[in-house]
Amino acid sequence: MHRALSLASGTALILLAACQPSKPAPLAAADSTAIAKVRTDYIAAWNAGKVDAVVALYTSDAELQGPNMPAVRGSGPLQNYFNRALGTPTRPTIDITMGKLLGRQDLAVMAGTYTLTPPAPPAPAKGAAPAPPAPLAGKYLVTATKQADGTWKIAYHAYSLDAPEAPPAPEKPARRGR
């Protein structure tokens, strides 16, 4: 009886070990390079105001989540969003820093920071030029997926602006007893 129980336990352990999912292969160096290129292509397309080139970096069912706005899903709504954001000569330029890249063969997550720099205001006819607006800083989280053709595209993109720290609330005056 003891021998049968040991055999059954040993068989169960072997089966359990065989059923464990294999650990996905990490990102290959070529994939890390391709994902970094998505970032540089995004910066170049944004700064050139090329809406179609920015949208082409997203999957057709991608989702963009920004602060204080509903999620934008799919190529058409993304096209509209970027037309509003980039379709003006007064668009800010963007710089994106990749802080972290994690992934496996077909899925990658990038996290980092970005800076939007508004264009300098036009110089007045007379007098001193106004000071340029301050750049806006923020952070992002992007999920990219490897496509059937081996390219990488953005599937999910969430970003937020870094807001200045709010001043402390004024202290309420002490209530006087009656």
N, C-alpha and C. Protein backbone atom coordinates (compact mmCIF):
# COMPACT_ATOMS: atom_id res chain seq x y z
N MET A 1 0.82 -1.19 0.00
CA MET A 1 0.00 0.00 0.00
C MET A 1 0.87 1.25 0.00
N HIS A 2 1.87 1.24 0.87
CA HIS A 2 2.77 2.39 0.96
C HIS A 2 3.48 2.63 -0.38
N ARG A 3 3.87 1.52 -1.01
CA ARG A 3 4.57 1.62 -2.31
C ARG A 3 3.65 2.20 -3.38
N ALA A 4 2.41 1.80 -3.41
CA ALA A 4 1.44 2.30 -4.40
C ALA A 4 1.19 3.79 -4.19
N LEU A 5 1.11 4.21 -2.93
CA LEU A 5 0.90 5.63 -2.62
C LEU A 5 2.10 6.46 -3.04
N SER A 6 3.29 5.95 -2.81
CA SER A 6 4.50 6.66 -3.24
C SER A 6 4.56 6.79 -4.75
N LEU A 7 4.20 5.71 -5.44
CA LEU A 7 4.19 5.73 -6.90
C LEU A 7 3.17 6.73 -7.43
N ALA A 8 1.99 6.74 -6.82
CA ALA A 8 0.94 7.68 -7.23
C ALA A 8 1.37 9.12 -6.96
N SER A 9 1.98 9.37 -5.82
CA SER A 9 2.46 10.72 -5.48
C SER A 9 3.54 11.17 -6.45
N GLY A 10 4.47 10.27 -6.75
CA GLY A 10 5.55 10.61 -7.68
C GLY A 10 5.00 10.90 -9.07
N THR A 11 4.04 10.11 -9.52
CA THR A 11 3.41 10.33 -10.83
C THR A 11 2.69 11.67 -10.84
N ALA A 12 1.98 11.99 -9.78
CA ALA A 12 1.26 13.27 -9.70
C ALA A 12 2.22 14.45 -9.77
N LEU A 13 3.35 14.34 -9.08
CA LEU A 13 4.33 15.43 -9.12
C LEU A 13 4.91 15.61 -10.53
N ILE A 14 5.17 14.52 -11.21
CA ILE A 14 5.70 14.60 -12.58
C ILE A 14 4.67 15.25 -13.49
N LEU A 15 3.39 14.84 -13.36
CA LEU A 15 2.33 15.42 -14.19
C LEU A 15 2.15 16.91 -13.89
N LEU A 16 2.20 17.29 -12.62
CA LEU A 16 2.09 18.70 -12.26
C LEU A 16 3.23 19.52 -12.86
N ALA A 17 4.42 18.98 -12.78
CA ALA A 17 5.58 19.69 -13.34
C ALA A 17 5.43 19.83 -14.85
N ALA A 18 4.90 18.81 -15.50
CA ALA A 18 4.73 18.86 -16.96
C ALA A 18 3.64 19.84 -17.36
N CYS A 19 2.67 20.11 -16.47
CA CYS A 19 1.56 21.00 -16.78
C CYS A 19 1.89 22.47 -16.54
N GLN A 20 2.98 22.75 -15.90
CA GLN A 20 3.35 24.13 -15.64
C GLN A 20 3.65 24.84 -16.96
N PRO A 21 3.10 26.05 -17.13
CA PRO A 21 3.39 26.76 -18.38
C PRO A 21 4.87 27.09 -18.47
N SER A 22 5.39 27.03 -19.67
CA SER A 22 6.80 27.39 -19.84
C SER A 22 6.92 28.91 -19.76
N LYS A 23 8.03 29.35 -19.27
CA LYS A 23 8.28 30.78 -19.14
C LYS A 23 8.50 31.35 -20.55
N PRO A 24 7.75 32.44 -20.90
CA PRO A 24 7.93 33.00 -22.24
C PRO A 24 9.36 33.50 -22.43
N ALA A 25 9.82 33.42 -23.65
CA ALA A 25 11.16 33.90 -23.97
C ALA A 25 11.19 35.42 -23.81
N PRO A 26 12.27 35.95 -23.28
CA PRO A 26 12.37 37.40 -23.14
C PRO A 26 12.49 38.07 -24.51
N LEU A 27 12.38 39.37 -24.51
CA LEU A 27 12.53 40.12 -25.76
C LEU A 27 13.91 39.89 -26.35
N ALA A 28 13.94 39.63 -27.62
CA ALA A 28 15.22 39.52 -28.33
C ALA A 28 15.78 40.93 -28.50
N ALA A 29 17.07 41.03 -28.67
CA ALA A 29 17.72 42.33 -28.87
C ALA A 29 17.13 43.06 -30.07
N ALA A 30 16.84 42.33 -31.15
CA ALA A 30 16.25 42.95 -32.34
C ALA A 30 14.87 43.52 -32.04
N ASP A 31 14.09 42.84 -31.18
CA ASP A 31 12.78 43.36 -30.80
C ASP A 31 12.91 44.61 -29.93
N SER A 32 13.85 44.61 -29.00
CA SER A 32 14.07 45.80 -28.17
C SER A 32 14.44 46.99 -29.05
N THR A 33 15.26 46.76 -30.05
CA THR A 33 15.65 47.82 -30.99
C THR A 33 14.44 48.30 -31.79
N ALA A 34 13.61 47.36 -32.25
CA ALA A 34 12.42 47.72 -33.02
C ALA A 34 11.43 48.52 -32.18
N ILE A 35 11.30 48.17 -30.91
CA ILE A 35 10.40 48.90 -30.02
C ILE A 35 10.94 50.30 -29.75
N ALA A 36 12.23 50.42 -29.55
CA ALA A 36 12.85 51.75 -29.38
C ALA A 36 12.63 52.61 -30.62
N LYS A 37 12.61 51.98 -31.80
CA LYS A 37 12.36 52.70 -33.04
C LYS A 37 10.93 53.24 -33.10
N VAL A 38 9.98 52.51 -32.52
CA VAL A 38 8.61 53.03 -32.46
C VAL A 38 8.61 54.37 -31.73
N ARG A 39 9.36 54.46 -30.64
CA ARG A 39 9.47 55.71 -29.89
C ARG A 39 10.06 56.82 -30.74
N THR A 40 11.17 56.55 -31.43
CA THR A 40 11.81 57.60 -32.24
C THR A 40 10.93 57.98 -33.44
N ASP A 41 10.24 56.99 -34.03
CA ASP A 41 9.33 57.30 -35.14
C ASP A 41 8.16 58.15 -34.66
N TYR A 42 7.68 57.87 -33.45
CA TYR A 42 6.58 58.65 -32.86
C TYR A 42 7.02 60.10 -32.67
N ILE A 43 8.20 60.29 -32.11
CA ILE A 43 8.71 61.65 -31.89
C ILE A 43 8.84 62.39 -33.21
N ALA A 44 9.43 61.75 -34.21
CA ALA A 44 9.64 62.40 -35.52
C ALA A 44 8.31 62.74 -36.18
N ALA A 45 7.36 61.80 -36.16
CA ALA A 45 6.06 62.05 -36.81
C ALA A 45 5.30 63.15 -36.08
N TRP A 46 5.30 63.11 -34.75
CA TRP A 46 4.61 64.14 -33.96
C TRP A 46 5.20 65.51 -34.27
N ASN A 47 6.51 65.62 -34.15
CA ASN A 47 7.16 66.93 -34.32
C ASN A 47 7.03 67.46 -35.73
N ALA A 48 6.83 66.58 -36.72
CA ALA A 48 6.60 67.02 -38.10
C ALA A 48 5.11 67.24 -38.37
N GLY A 49 4.26 66.94 -37.42
CA GLY A 49 2.82 67.12 -37.60
C GLY A 49 2.21 66.10 -38.55
N LYS A 50 2.84 64.94 -38.69
CA LYS A 50 2.36 63.90 -39.62
C LYS A 50 1.39 62.97 -38.88
N VAL A 51 0.13 63.35 -38.90
CA VAL A 51 -0.90 62.61 -38.18
C VAL A 51 -0.98 61.16 -38.66
N ASP A 52 -0.99 60.95 -39.99
CA ASP A 52 -1.10 59.59 -40.52
C ASP A 52 0.06 58.71 -40.04
N ALA A 53 1.24 59.28 -39.96
CA ALA A 53 2.41 58.51 -39.51
C ALA A 53 2.30 58.16 -38.03
N VAL A 54 1.74 59.06 -37.22
CA VAL A 54 1.55 58.76 -35.79
C VAL A 54 0.52 57.64 -35.66
N VAL A 55 -0.62 57.78 -36.33
CA VAL A 55 -1.70 56.79 -36.22
C VAL A 55 -1.23 55.42 -36.72
N ALA A 56 -0.36 55.40 -37.72
CA ALA A 56 0.15 54.13 -38.26
C ALA A 56 0.98 53.36 -37.25
N LEU A 57 1.43 54.00 -36.18
CA LEU A 57 2.21 53.33 -35.14
C LEU A 57 1.32 52.57 -34.16
N TYR A 58 0.00 52.71 -34.29
CA TYR A 58 -0.97 52.07 -33.41
C TYR A 58 -1.64 50.89 -34.13
N THR A 59 -2.08 49.89 -33.36
CA THR A 59 -2.89 48.82 -33.95
C THR A 59 -4.24 49.41 -34.32
N SER A 60 -4.97 48.73 -35.18
CA SER A 60 -6.27 49.25 -35.64
C SER A 60 -7.30 49.32 -34.51
N ASP A 61 -7.11 48.54 -33.44
CA ASP A 61 -8.04 48.57 -32.31
C ASP A 61 -7.38 49.14 -31.05
N ALA A 62 -6.37 49.96 -31.23
CA ALA A 62 -5.62 50.52 -30.09
C ALA A 62 -6.52 51.39 -29.23
N GLU A 63 -6.09 51.57 -27.99
CA GLU A 63 -6.81 52.43 -27.05
C GLU A 63 -5.83 53.44 -26.46
N LEU A 64 -6.24 54.70 -26.47
CA LEU A 64 -5.45 55.80 -25.90
C LEU A 64 -6.23 56.36 -24.73
N GLN A 65 -5.57 56.46 -23.58
CA GLN A 65 -6.20 57.00 -22.38
C GLN A 65 -5.40 58.18 -21.88
N GLY A 66 -6.02 59.34 -21.92
CA GLY A 66 -5.38 60.56 -21.45
C GLY A 66 -6.12 61.13 -20.26
N PRO A 67 -5.55 62.15 -19.64
CA PRO A 67 -6.19 62.74 -18.46
C PRO A 67 -7.45 63.51 -18.83
N ASN A 68 -8.46 63.38 -17.98
CA ASN A 68 -9.69 64.16 -18.11
C ASN A 68 -10.36 64.03 -19.47
N MET A 69 -10.35 62.84 -20.03
CA MET A 69 -11.00 62.61 -21.31
C MET A 69 -11.43 61.15 -21.40
N PRO A 70 -12.46 60.88 -22.22
CA PRO A 70 -12.81 59.47 -22.41
C PRO A 70 -11.74 58.75 -23.23
N ALA A 71 -11.69 57.45 -23.10
CA ALA A 71 -10.72 56.66 -23.88
C ALA A 71 -11.02 56.82 -25.37
N VAL A 72 -9.97 56.81 -26.17
CA VAL A 72 -10.07 56.90 -27.63
C VAL A 72 -9.72 55.50 -28.15
N ARG A 73 -10.65 54.88 -28.91
CA ARG A 73 -10.44 53.50 -29.36
C ARG A 73 -10.59 53.39 -30.86
N GLY A 74 -9.60 52.79 -31.50
CA GLY A 74 -9.67 52.50 -32.93
C GLY A 74 -9.02 53.56 -33.79
N SER A 75 -8.71 53.19 -35.03
CA SER A 75 -7.97 54.06 -35.94
C SER A 75 -8.69 55.36 -36.26
N GLY A 76 -9.99 55.30 -36.54
CA GLY A 76 -10.74 56.52 -36.88
C GLY A 76 -10.73 57.55 -35.75
N PRO A 77 -11.13 57.15 -34.54
CA PRO A 77 -11.07 58.09 -33.42
C PRO A 77 -9.64 58.56 -33.11
N LEU A 78 -8.65 57.67 -33.27
CA LEU A 78 -7.25 58.11 -33.07
C LEU A 78 -6.88 59.17 -34.10
N GLN A 79 -7.30 58.98 -35.34
CA GLN A 79 -7.03 59.96 -36.40
C GLN A 79 -7.63 61.31 -36.01
N ASN A 80 -8.87 61.31 -35.54
CA ASN A 80 -9.52 62.56 -35.11
C ASN A 80 -8.77 63.20 -33.94
N TYR A 81 -8.40 62.38 -32.96
CA TYR A 81 -7.67 62.89 -31.79
C TYR A 81 -6.37 63.56 -32.22
N PHE A 82 -5.58 62.89 -33.05
CA PHE A 82 -4.29 63.45 -33.45
C PHE A 82 -4.45 64.61 -34.44
N ASN A 83 -5.52 64.63 -35.22
CA ASN A 83 -5.77 65.80 -36.06
C ASN A 83 -5.96 67.04 -35.19
N ARG A 84 -6.70 66.89 -34.10
CA ARG A 84 -6.89 68.04 -33.19
C ARG A 84 -5.59 68.40 -32.47
N ALA A 85 -4.84 67.38 -32.06
CA ALA A 85 -3.61 67.63 -31.29
C ALA A 85 -2.47 68.16 -32.15
N LEU A 86 -2.37 67.68 -33.39
CA LEU A 86 -1.21 68.01 -34.22
C LEU A 86 -1.55 68.85 -35.45
N GLY A 87 -2.82 69.01 -35.73
CA GLY A 87 -3.21 69.68 -36.97
C GLY A 87 -3.18 71.20 -36.90
N THR A 88 -2.27 71.74 -36.15
CA THR A 88 -2.15 73.18 -36.02
C THR A 88 -0.68 73.58 -36.05
N PRO A 89 -0.38 74.72 -36.63
CA PRO A 89 1.03 75.14 -36.63
C PRO A 89 1.55 75.49 -35.24
N THR A 90 0.66 75.65 -34.28
CA THR A 90 1.10 75.98 -32.92
C THR A 90 1.18 74.74 -32.03
N ARG A 91 1.34 73.56 -32.65
CA ARG A 91 1.43 72.33 -31.85
C ARG A 91 2.75 72.34 -31.07
N PRO A 92 2.73 71.73 -29.91
CA PRO A 92 3.98 71.61 -29.15
C PRO A 92 4.86 70.53 -29.76
N THR A 93 6.14 70.62 -29.50
CA THR A 93 7.03 69.53 -29.87
C THR A 93 7.07 68.56 -28.69
N ILE A 94 7.45 67.33 -28.99
CA ILE A 94 7.47 66.31 -27.93
C ILE A 94 8.85 65.67 -27.87
N ASP A 95 9.25 65.35 -26.66
CA ASP A 95 10.45 64.54 -26.44
C ASP A 95 10.02 63.43 -25.49
N ILE A 96 10.41 62.20 -25.78
CA ILE A 96 9.98 61.04 -25.00
C ILE A 96 11.22 60.29 -24.53
N THR A 97 11.25 60.02 -23.25
CA THR A 97 12.34 59.23 -22.67
C THR A 97 11.78 57.89 -22.23
N MET A 98 12.40 56.81 -22.70
CA MET A 98 11.97 55.48 -22.28
C MET A 98 12.71 55.15 -20.99
N GLY A 99 11.95 54.95 -19.94
CA GLY A 99 12.56 54.64 -18.66
C GLY A 99 12.74 53.15 -18.46
N LYS A 100 11.73 52.37 -18.87
CA LYS A 100 11.78 50.93 -18.64
C LYS A 100 11.10 50.23 -19.80
N LEU A 101 11.65 49.10 -20.18
CA LEU A 101 11.08 48.25 -21.22
C LEU A 101 11.09 46.83 -20.70
N LEU A 102 9.89 46.24 -20.61
CA LEU A 102 9.74 44.86 -20.18
C LEU A 102 8.96 44.12 -21.25
N GLY A 103 9.22 42.85 -21.44
CA GLY A 103 8.41 42.14 -22.41
C GLY A 103 8.82 40.71 -22.63
N ARG A 104 8.15 40.13 -23.57
CA ARG A 104 8.43 38.77 -24.02
C ARG A 104 8.34 38.77 -25.54
N GLN A 105 8.29 37.61 -26.18
CA GLN A 105 8.38 37.55 -27.64
C GLN A 105 7.40 38.43 -28.38
N ASP A 106 6.16 38.57 -27.89
CA ASP A 106 5.13 39.26 -28.66
C ASP A 106 4.44 40.40 -27.94
N LEU A 107 4.90 40.74 -26.75
CA LEU A 107 4.25 41.75 -25.93
C LEU A 107 5.31 42.54 -25.18
N ALA A 108 5.19 43.85 -25.21
CA ALA A 108 6.16 44.69 -24.50
C ALA A 108 5.43 45.82 -23.79
N VAL A 109 5.97 46.23 -22.66
CA VAL A 109 5.45 47.36 -21.90
C VAL A 109 6.57 48.36 -21.74
N MET A 110 6.28 49.61 -22.13
CA MET A 110 7.25 50.69 -22.00
C MET A 110 6.70 51.71 -21.01
N ALA A 111 7.54 52.23 -20.18
CA ALA A 111 7.16 53.28 -19.25
C ALA A 111 8.24 54.34 -19.28
N GLY A 112 7.83 55.58 -19.16
CA GLY A 112 8.81 56.65 -19.18
C GLY A 112 8.17 58.00 -19.00
N THR A 113 8.88 59.00 -19.42
CA THR A 113 8.42 60.39 -19.28
C THR A 113 8.44 61.08 -20.63
N TYR A 114 7.72 62.18 -20.69
CA TYR A 114 7.72 62.98 -21.91
C TYR A 114 7.65 64.46 -21.54
N THR A 115 8.05 65.28 -22.48
CA THR A 115 7.97 66.73 -22.32
C THR A 115 7.34 67.32 -23.58
N LEU A 116 6.32 68.13 -23.40
CA LEU A 116 5.70 68.88 -24.49
C LEU A 116 6.17 70.32 -24.37
N THR A 117 6.76 70.83 -25.43
CA THR A 117 7.27 72.20 -25.42
C THR A 117 6.45 73.04 -26.38
N PRO A 118 5.64 73.97 -25.84
CA PRO A 118 4.85 74.82 -26.72
C PRO A 118 5.76 75.71 -27.56
N PRO A 119 5.30 76.07 -28.76
CA PRO A 119 6.12 76.96 -29.58
C PRO A 119 6.22 78.35 -28.95
N ALA A 120 7.28 79.05 -29.26
CA ALA A 120 7.44 80.41 -28.76
C ALA A 120 6.38 81.30 -29.41
N PRO A 121 5.83 82.23 -28.66
CA PRO A 121 4.85 83.14 -29.25
C PRO A 121 5.52 84.04 -30.29
N PRO A 122 4.75 84.51 -31.26
CA PRO A 122 5.35 85.39 -32.26
C PRO A 122 5.86 86.67 -31.62
N ALA A 123 6.93 87.19 -32.18
CA ALA A 123 7.51 88.43 -31.66
C ALA A 123 6.57 89.59 -32.00
N PRO A 124 6.35 90.48 -31.06
CA PRO A 124 5.51 91.65 -31.33
C PRO A 124 6.24 92.62 -32.27
N ALA A 125 5.47 93.48 -32.89
CA ALA A 125 6.05 94.47 -33.80
C ALA A 125 6.98 95.41 -33.04
N LYS A 126 6.62 95.77 -31.84
CA LYS A 126 7.44 96.67 -31.02
C LYS A 126 7.56 96.09 -29.62
N GLY A 127 8.64 96.34 -28.99
CA GLY A 127 8.82 95.92 -27.61
C GLY A 127 9.46 94.55 -27.50
N ALA A 128 9.54 94.12 -26.26
CA ALA A 128 10.19 92.84 -25.97
C ALA A 128 9.26 91.68 -26.29
N ALA A 129 9.85 90.60 -26.74
CA ALA A 129 9.08 89.39 -27.04
C ALA A 129 8.60 88.78 -25.73
N PRO A 130 7.38 88.24 -25.74
CA PRO A 130 6.91 87.60 -24.52
C PRO A 130 7.72 86.34 -24.22
N ALA A 131 7.74 85.98 -22.97
CA ALA A 131 8.46 84.77 -22.57
C ALA A 131 7.76 83.55 -23.15
N PRO A 132 8.53 82.57 -23.59
CA PRO A 132 7.89 81.36 -24.11
C PRO A 132 7.15 80.62 -23.00
N PRO A 133 6.07 79.93 -23.37
CA PRO A 133 5.35 79.17 -22.34
C PRO A 133 6.23 78.06 -21.78
N ALA A 134 5.97 77.70 -20.56
CA ALA A 134 6.76 76.65 -19.90
C ALA A 134 6.41 75.28 -20.50
N PRO A 135 7.41 74.41 -20.64
CA PRO A 135 7.13 73.05 -21.11
C PRO A 135 6.25 72.30 -20.11
N LEU A 136 5.52 71.32 -20.62
CA LEU A 136 4.68 70.46 -19.78
C LEU A 136 5.34 69.09 -19.70
N ALA A 137 5.43 68.56 -18.51
CA ALA A 137 6.04 67.25 -18.32
C ALA A 137 4.97 66.24 -17.92
N GLY A 138 5.23 64.99 -18.28
CA GLY A 138 4.27 63.95 -17.93
C GLY A 138 4.93 62.58 -17.96
N LYS A 139 4.09 61.57 -17.77
CA LYS A 139 4.57 60.19 -17.80
C LYS A 139 3.62 59.37 -18.65
N TYR A 140 4.11 58.22 -19.13
CA TYR A 140 3.29 57.38 -19.99
C TYR A 140 3.53 55.91 -19.68
N LEU A 141 2.59 55.11 -20.12
CA LEU A 141 2.69 53.66 -20.08
C LEU A 141 2.12 53.16 -21.39
N VAL A 142 2.91 52.42 -22.15
CA VAL A 142 2.52 51.93 -23.47
C VAL A 142 2.69 50.42 -23.51
N THR A 143 1.69 49.75 -24.05
CA THR A 143 1.79 48.33 -24.33
C THR A 143 1.87 48.17 -25.84
N ALA A 144 2.88 47.47 -26.32
CA ALA A 144 3.05 47.24 -27.76
C ALA A 144 2.96 45.74 -28.03
N THR A 145 2.44 45.42 -29.20
CA THR A 145 2.34 44.02 -29.59
C THR A 145 3.06 43.80 -30.91
N LYS A 146 3.65 42.63 -31.01
CA LYS A 146 4.36 42.26 -32.24
C LYS A 146 3.33 41.80 -33.27
N GLN A 147 3.40 42.36 -34.46
CA GLN A 147 2.46 42.04 -35.52
C GLN A 147 2.94 40.82 -36.31
N ALA A 148 2.05 40.27 -37.12
CA ALA A 148 2.37 39.08 -37.92
C ALA A 148 3.57 39.32 -38.83
N ASP A 149 3.74 40.59 -39.28
CA ASP A 149 4.87 40.90 -40.18
C ASP A 149 6.17 41.19 -39.43
N GLY A 150 6.14 41.05 -38.08
CA GLY A 150 7.35 41.26 -37.28
C GLY A 150 7.51 42.67 -36.75
N THR A 151 6.66 43.62 -37.18
CA THR A 151 6.74 44.99 -36.67
C THR A 151 6.05 45.06 -35.32
N TRP A 152 6.34 46.12 -34.60
CA TRP A 152 5.72 46.36 -33.30
C TRP A 152 4.81 47.57 -33.42
N LYS A 153 3.62 47.49 -32.81
CA LYS A 153 2.67 48.61 -32.81
C LYS A 153 2.12 48.81 -31.41
N ILE A 154 1.68 50.02 -31.17
CA ILE A 154 1.12 50.40 -29.88
C ILE A 154 -0.32 49.88 -29.80
N ALA A 155 -0.62 49.11 -28.76
CA ALA A 155 -1.97 48.58 -28.55
C ALA A 155 -2.71 49.39 -27.48
N TYR A 156 -2.01 49.79 -26.43
CA TYR A 156 -2.58 50.61 -25.35
C TYR A 156 -1.59 51.70 -25.02
N HIS A 157 -2.14 52.90 -24.79
CA HIS A 157 -1.29 54.05 -24.49
C HIS A 157 -2.03 54.88 -23.44
N ALA A 158 -1.43 55.03 -22.29
CA ALA A 158 -1.98 55.86 -21.23
C ALA A 158 -0.94 56.90 -20.86
N TYR A 159 -1.40 58.13 -20.64
CA TYR A 159 -0.46 59.18 -20.26
C TYR A 159 -1.13 60.14 -19.29
N SER A 160 -0.33 60.86 -18.55
CA SER A 160 -0.82 61.89 -17.65
C SER A 160 0.22 63.00 -17.56
N LEU A 161 -0.27 64.17 -17.24
CA LEU A 161 0.61 65.32 -17.04
C LEU A 161 1.00 65.38 -15.57
N ASP A 162 2.22 65.82 -15.32
CA ASP A 162 2.65 66.06 -13.95
C ASP A 162 2.12 67.42 -13.55
N ALA A 163 1.25 67.44 -12.58
CA ALA A 163 0.69 68.71 -12.12
C ALA A 163 1.57 69.25 -11.00
N PRO A 164 1.67 70.57 -10.94
CA PRO A 164 2.43 71.11 -9.81
C PRO A 164 1.72 70.75 -8.51
N GLU A 165 2.50 70.63 -7.47
CA GLU A 165 1.93 70.28 -6.18
C GLU A 165 0.96 71.37 -5.73
N ALA A 166 -0.20 70.94 -5.27
CA ALA A 166 -1.21 71.91 -4.82
C ALA A 166 -0.74 72.55 -3.52
N PRO A 167 -1.04 73.85 -3.38
CA PRO A 167 -0.67 74.50 -2.11
C PRO A 167 -1.51 73.91 -0.98
N PRO A 168 -0.99 73.96 0.24
CA PRO A 168 -1.76 73.41 1.35
C PRO A 168 -3.05 74.20 1.54
N ALA A 169 -4.08 73.52 1.98
CA ALA A 169 -5.36 74.18 2.22
C ALA A 169 -5.21 75.12 3.42
N PRO A 170 -5.88 76.26 3.36
CA PRO A 170 -5.78 77.17 4.50
C PRO A 170 -6.41 76.53 5.74
N GLU A 171 -5.83 76.85 6.87
CA GLU A 171 -6.37 76.31 8.11
C GLU A 171 -7.68 77.00 8.43
N LYS A 172 -8.60 76.19 8.93
CA LYS A 172 -9.90 76.75 9.33
C LYS A 172 -9.73 77.40 10.70
N PRO A 173 -10.38 78.55 10.87
CA PRO A 173 -10.27 79.18 12.19
C PRO A 173 -10.93 78.30 13.25
N ALA A 174 -10.42 78.34 14.44
CA ALA A 174 -10.97 77.55 15.54
C ALA A 174 -12.37 78.05 15.85
N ARG A 175 -13.27 77.13 16.11
CA ARG A 175 -14.65 77.51 16.47
C ARG A 175 -14.69 77.94 17.92
N ARG A 176 -15.41 78.96 18.14
CA ARG A 176 -15.56 79.45 19.52
C ARG A 176 -16.79 78.81 20.14
N GLY A 177 -16.64 78.43 21.35
CA GLY A 177 -17.78 77.84 22.08
C GLY A 177 -18.80 78.89 22.39
N ARG A 178 -20.04 78.48 22.56
CA ARG A 178 -21.12 79.43 22.89
C ARG A 178 -21.33 79.55 24.32
